[in-house]
Protein backbone atom coordinates (compact mmCIF):
# COMPACT_ATOMS: atom_id res chain seq x y z
CA MET A 1 16.51 -13.83 14.95
CA LYS A 2 16.63 -17.71 14.38
CA SER A 3 19.93 -17.86 16.77
CA VAL A 4 17.87 -16.39 19.65
CA GLU A 5 15.05 -18.91 18.92
CA ILE A 6 17.53 -21.87 18.92
CA LYS A 7 19.31 -21.01 22.01
CA LEU A 8 16.02 -20.46 23.93
CA GLU A 9 14.56 -23.83 22.62
CA SER A 10 17.60 -25.49 24.36
CA LEU A 11 16.59 -24.07 27.65
CA PHE A 12 12.85 -25.06 27.58
CA ASP A 13 13.67 -28.00 29.77
CA ALA A 14 16.37 -26.61 31.94
CA SER A 15 16.19 -26.34 35.64
CA THR A 16 15.82 -23.13 37.47
CA GLU A 17 19.40 -23.41 38.65
CA GLU A 18 20.46 -23.90 35.24
CA LEU A 19 18.63 -20.82 33.75
CA ARG A 20 20.37 -18.66 36.26
CA SER A 21 23.84 -19.68 35.23
CA LYS A 22 25.93 -16.72 33.48
CA GLU A 23 25.65 -18.15 30.08
CA ASN A 24 21.92 -18.83 30.05
CA ALA A 25 21.15 -15.49 31.78
CA GLY A 26 22.84 -13.88 28.99
CA ILE A 27 20.57 -15.83 26.37
CA LEU A 28 17.42 -14.48 28.55
CA LEU A 29 18.89 -10.90 28.36
CA ASP A 30 19.43 -11.31 24.45
CA LEU A 31 15.48 -12.08 24.37
CA LEU A 32 14.64 -9.08 26.43
CA ASP A 33 16.86 -6.79 24.24
CA SER A 34 15.07 -8.24 21.07
CA LEU A 35 11.67 -7.66 22.60
CA ASN A 36 12.52 -4.25 23.84
CA ASN A 37 13.90 -3.18 20.33
CA GLY A 38 11.01 -4.78 18.17
CA GLU A 39 13.45 -7.24 16.57
CA ILE A 40 11.24 -10.15 17.64
CA ARG A 41 7.49 -10.18 18.69
CA SER A 42 5.01 -13.00 19.77
CA ALA A 43 2.88 -12.70 16.64
CA SER A 44 3.62 -11.25 13.10
CA LYS A 45 1.60 -10.69 10.06
CA ASN A 46 1.77 -12.71 6.82
CA GLU A 47 1.47 -11.46 3.22
CA ASP A 48 -1.93 -12.94 3.02
CA GLY A 49 -3.18 -10.97 6.03
CA THR A 50 -3.12 -13.87 8.50
CA TRP A 51 -1.26 -13.76 11.72
CA HIS A 52 1.37 -16.28 12.97
CA VAL A 53 2.04 -17.00 16.57
CA HIS A 54 5.66 -17.50 17.64
CA GLN A 55 5.40 -19.81 20.30
CA TRP A 56 9.02 -19.88 21.09
CA VAL A 57 8.83 -16.20 22.11
CA LYS A 58 6.14 -16.79 24.57
CA LYS A 59 7.89 -19.64 26.06
CA GLY A 60 11.09 -17.53 26.35
CA ILE A 61 9.06 -15.04 28.38
CA LEU A 62 7.65 -17.85 30.62
CA LEU A 63 11.61 -18.71 31.23
CA LEU A 64 12.17 -15.28 32.51
CA PHE A 65 9.58 -15.74 35.09
CA ARG A 66 11.02 -19.13 36.10
CA ALA A 67 14.43 -17.97 36.28
CA GLY A 68 13.62 -14.83 38.45
CA VAL A 69 13.64 -14.46 42.24
CA LEU A 70 11.77 -11.88 43.87
CA LYS A 71 13.64 -8.41 44.20
CA ASP A 72 13.01 -5.43 46.22
CA TYR A 73 12.62 -2.35 43.69
CA SER A 74 11.15 0.06 46.25
CA GLU A 75 11.87 3.72 45.98
CA GLY A 76 10.86 6.23 48.72
CA ALA A 77 7.49 5.51 50.08
CA SER A 78 6.60 3.34 46.83
CA SER A 79 6.98 -0.37 47.47
CA PHE A 80 7.57 -2.42 44.45
CA PHE A 81 8.51 -6.27 44.31
CA ASP A 82 8.93 -8.34 41.29
CA LYS A 83 11.25 -10.82 39.68
CA ASP A 84 14.67 -9.65 39.23
CA THR A 85 14.42 -10.67 35.51
CA LEU A 86 11.42 -8.44 34.96
CA PRO A 87 12.36 -4.92 35.89
CA LEU A 88 10.55 -1.74 34.35
CA LYS A 89 11.43 -0.65 30.94
CA THR A 90 13.84 2.21 30.72
CA PHE A 91 13.23 5.22 28.32
CA SER A 92 15.34 8.25 27.34
CA LEU A 93 14.55 11.41 25.39
CA ASP A 94 15.83 9.61 22.24
CA SER A 95 12.98 7.14 22.66
CA GLN A 96 10.51 9.78 21.48
CA VAL A 97 7.76 8.32 23.76
CA ARG A 98 5.50 10.47 25.71
CA ILE A 99 5.06 9.19 29.27
CA VAL A 100 2.94 11.64 30.98
CA PRO A 101 3.53 11.75 34.86
CA GLY A 102 1.07 10.19 37.22
CA GLY A 103 1.66 6.45 37.92
CA SER A 104 2.10 4.72 34.90
CA ALA A 105 4.25 1.63 34.39
CA ILE A 106 5.88 -0.24 31.46
CA ARG A 107 7.54 -3.77 31.96
CA THR A 108 10.64 -4.76 30.12
CA GLY A 109 10.53 -6.98 27.35
CA CYS A 110 7.98 -4.88 25.17
CA TYR A 111 8.48 -2.64 22.05
CA ILE A 112 7.04 0.97 22.44
CA ALA A 113 7.62 2.83 19.02
CA PRO A 114 8.51 6.45 18.73
CA GLY A 115 5.53 8.63 18.78
CA VAL A 116 3.34 6.43 21.17
CA ILE A 117 1.74 8.34 23.96
CA CYS A 118 1.01 7.15 27.46
CA MET A 119 -1.43 8.87 29.71
CA PRO A 120 -1.60 8.09 33.32
CA PRO A 121 -2.18 5.80 35.00
CA MET A 122 -1.67 2.95 32.46
CA TYR A 123 0.15 -0.22 32.22
CA ILE A 124 1.81 -2.17 29.50
CA ASN A 125 3.06 -5.68 30.03
CA ILE A 126 5.86 -7.79 28.83
CA GLY A 127 5.99 -9.05 25.22
CA ALA A 128 3.51 -6.28 24.00
CA TYR A 129 4.20 -4.32 20.91
CA VAL A 130 2.83 -0.90 20.43
CA ASP A 131 3.62 0.72 17.37
CA SER A 132 4.09 4.37 16.25
CA GLY A 133 1.40 7.07 16.65
CA THR A 134 -0.76 5.08 19.30
CA MET A 135 -2.22 6.54 22.48
CA ILE A 136 -2.72 4.31 25.49
CA ASP A 137 -5.11 6.41 27.62
CA SER A 138 -5.79 6.54 31.30
CA HIS A 139 -6.55 3.44 33.40
CA ALA A 140 -5.91 1.27 30.13
CA LEU A 141 -4.23 -1.93 29.97
CA VAL A 142 -2.21 -3.51 27.21
CA GLY A 143 -1.77 -7.13 28.42
CA THR A 144 1.12 -9.74 27.83
CA CYS A 145 2.16 -10.18 24.17
CA ALA A 146 -0.73 -7.96 22.84
CA GLN A 147 -0.03 -6.52 19.41
CA ILE A 148 -1.11 -3.21 18.84
CA GLY A 149 -0.63 -1.35 15.39
CA LYS A 150 -0.11 2.21 14.15
CA ASN A 151 -2.30 4.98 15.05
CA VAL A 152 -4.51 3.14 17.51
CA HIS A 153 -6.34 4.93 20.22
CA ILE A 154 -7.13 2.87 23.19
CA SER A 155 -9.48 5.07 25.32
CA ALA A 156 -9.70 5.33 28.98
CA ALA A 157 -10.32 2.17 31.16
CA ALA A 158 -10.00 -0.21 28.07
CA GLN A 159 -8.54 -3.53 28.71
CA ILE A 160 -6.54 -5.39 26.04
CA GLY A 161 -6.12 -8.77 27.62
CA GLY A 162 -2.89 -10.83 27.65
CA VAL A 163 -1.97 -14.30 27.08
CA LEU A 164 1.09 -16.59 27.89
CA GLU A 165 -0.59 -19.95 28.43
CA PRO A 166 -1.17 -22.05 26.47
CA ALA A 167 1.93 -20.98 24.48
CA GLY A 168 0.36 -21.55 21.17
CA ALA A 169 -2.76 -19.35 21.77
CA ARG A 170 -2.97 -16.29 19.75
CA PRO A 171 -2.37 -12.92 21.55
CA VAL A 172 -4.94 -10.10 21.10
CA ILE A 173 -4.05 -8.35 17.99
CA ILE A 174 -5.39 -4.71 17.17
CA GLU A 175 -4.36 -3.63 13.55
CA ASP A 176 -3.68 -0.17 12.45
CA ASP A 177 -5.94 2.98 12.82
CA VAL A 178 -8.33 1.30 15.13
CA MET A 179 -10.34 3.18 17.75
CA ILE A 180 -11.04 1.39 20.92
CA GLY A 181 -13.78 3.22 22.99
CA GLY A 182 -13.66 3.64 26.72
CA ASN A 183 -14.19 0.79 29.13
CA CYS A 184 -14.00 -1.70 26.13
CA GLY A 185 -12.47 -5.34 26.79
CA VAL A 186 -10.80 -7.32 24.18
CA TYR A 187 -9.67 -10.55 25.48
CA GLU A 188 -8.64 -14.23 24.27
CA GLY A 189 -6.78 -13.67 21.01
CA VAL A 190 -9.46 -11.66 19.40
CA LEU A 191 -8.24 -9.74 16.28
CA ILE A 192 -9.50 -6.36 15.40
CA ARG A 193 -8.84 -5.66 11.84
CA LYS A 194 -7.53 -2.18 10.55
CA ARG A 195 -9.96 0.90 10.84
CA ALA A 196 -12.60 -0.89 13.09
CA VAL A 197 -14.21 0.92 15.73
CA LEU A 198 -15.30 -0.22 18.95
CA GLY A 199 -17.89 1.87 20.85
CA SER A 200 -17.71 2.41 24.54
CA GLY A 201 -18.33 -0.71 26.59
CA VAL A 202 -17.88 -3.33 23.94
CA ILE A 203 -16.69 -6.50 25.33
CA ILE A 204 -15.30 -9.28 23.10
CA ASN A 205 -13.60 -12.54 24.13
CA GLY A 206 -12.77 -15.80 22.07
CA SER A 207 -16.40 -17.25 22.44
CA THR A 208 -18.34 -14.13 21.70
CA HIS A 209 -20.80 -14.21 18.67
CA ILE A 210 -20.74 -10.75 16.78
CA TYR A 211 -23.97 -9.91 14.93
CA ASP A 212 -23.36 -8.06 11.76
CA LEU A 213 -26.57 -6.13 11.00
CA VAL A 214 -25.37 -4.65 7.91
CA LYS A 215 -24.53 -8.09 6.22
CA GLY A 216 -26.89 -10.26 8.18
CA GLU A 217 -24.05 -12.60 9.46
CA ILE A 218 -23.05 -13.86 12.72
CA LEU A 219 -19.13 -13.78 13.31
CA SER A 220 -17.77 -16.40 15.67
CA SER A 221 -14.36 -18.16 16.09
CA LYS A 222 -13.47 -20.79 13.38
CA ASN A 223 -10.48 -23.04 12.35
CA GLY A 224 -9.03 -22.97 15.70
CA ASN A 225 -8.70 -18.98 15.97
CA THR A 226 -10.87 -16.73 18.03
CA VAL A 227 -13.30 -14.22 16.60
CA GLU A 228 -12.34 -11.34 14.39
CA VAL A 229 -13.91 -7.94 13.91
CA PRO A 230 -13.76 -7.07 10.19
CA GLU A 231 -11.92 -4.15 8.65
CA ASN A 232 -13.78 -0.79 9.02
CA ALA A 233 -16.57 -2.30 11.13
CA VAL A 234 -18.34 -0.20 13.73
CA VAL A 235 -19.32 -1.96 16.68
CA VAL A 236 -21.46 -1.02 19.63
CA PRO A 237 -22.89 -3.16 22.66
CA GLY A 238 -26.15 -4.79 22.16
CA SER A 239 -28.13 -7.75 23.43
CA ARG A 240 -30.03 -10.91 22.34
CA THR A 241 -33.00 -12.53 23.85
CA LEU A 242 -32.36 -16.14 25.17
CA GLN A 243 -34.70 -18.74 23.91
CA SER A 244 -35.08 -21.03 26.91
CA THR A 245 -38.63 -21.42 28.53
CA PHE A 246 -37.08 -20.01 31.84
CA ALA A 247 -35.37 -16.97 29.95
CA LYS A 248 -38.67 -16.27 28.04
CA GLU A 249 -40.66 -16.30 31.24
CA TYR A 250 -38.33 -13.76 32.96
CA GLY A 251 -37.34 -11.73 29.80
CA ILE A 252 -33.69 -12.53 30.06
CA SER A 253 -31.22 -11.62 27.32
CA VAL A 254 -27.31 -11.44 27.28
CA SER A 255 -25.13 -8.61 26.01
CA THR A 256 -23.57 -9.14 22.41
CA PRO A 257 -21.61 -6.91 20.18
CA LEU A 258 -23.51 -5.48 17.24
CA ILE A 259 -21.92 -4.41 13.80
CA VAL A 260 -24.22 -1.48 13.08
CA LYS A 261 -22.33 0.03 9.98
CA TYR A 262 -18.94 0.26 8.41
CA ARG A 263 -16.95 3.30 8.54
CA ASP A 264 -17.72 6.37 6.31
CA ALA A 265 -16.91 9.91 6.23
CA LYS A 266 -18.90 10.66 9.25
CA THR A 267 -17.26 8.04 11.33
CA ASP A 268 -13.74 9.22 10.10
CA ALA A 269 -14.53 12.60 11.45
CA LYS A 270 -15.69 11.58 14.79
CA THR A 271 -12.57 9.23 15.24
CA ALA A 272 -9.93 11.49 13.62
CA LEU A 273 -6.82 11.55 15.65
CA GLU A 274 -5.27 14.92 16.72
CA GLN A 275 -1.89 14.97 14.98
CA SER A 276 -0.55 17.93 17.12
CA LEU A 277 -0.62 15.60 20.09
CA ARG A 278 1.85 13.21 18.28
């Protein structure tokens, strides 16, 4: 999609009025079409397992916000106002995406693969990529530009954070076959490697330290990237005691994720996806 990239880069310094010209509006529509079809994405995996951020994609999404004007999308008693460049994504039976009725919303400009299940109410924002066999459960969020792999379960009330600014920041990435427990929060470009399991209530952001009780290691951000949860890791909420005099006096501790094991047959049995749902 090099042609789309080149065209978008020519618009980064354009005025709002210029963005709304017929020719430039067509370029922005090409971006939306490519995002909706999964032809381009805000980050992609290299052969060596690292992830590469495509800054131009996120900058292009920002252009859609800048070019848009507020529009009334209301239907009946439901009030809905958003930029005219950012309507809801449209689906048909051919999409083979299950969207259970009950108040969910999916913004245009995100890829939702066949076989994805959306339980109400949930929300998927622009730039997201959700691969096949994944379930987005009730009250869950998939934020802007988040990258979700195959056969991922994002449980009820889990929050997968979004990122548009700064453009070079890595979005949250969840690789294949990951289980995200209820009420989890994954933010600020955290990378969850394949087959990892986050127990209910685990919160991880870019500055979180994860304590690996199995290997005796402390995992934190490095080389400009935020923290990564290793492949097959099973993570649960924990706490660590603060060492300042004041903290010791009052018994203060802070929450921290703990890797308590790596996946085994028992874990696989507990987290097995029900294929009849897909």
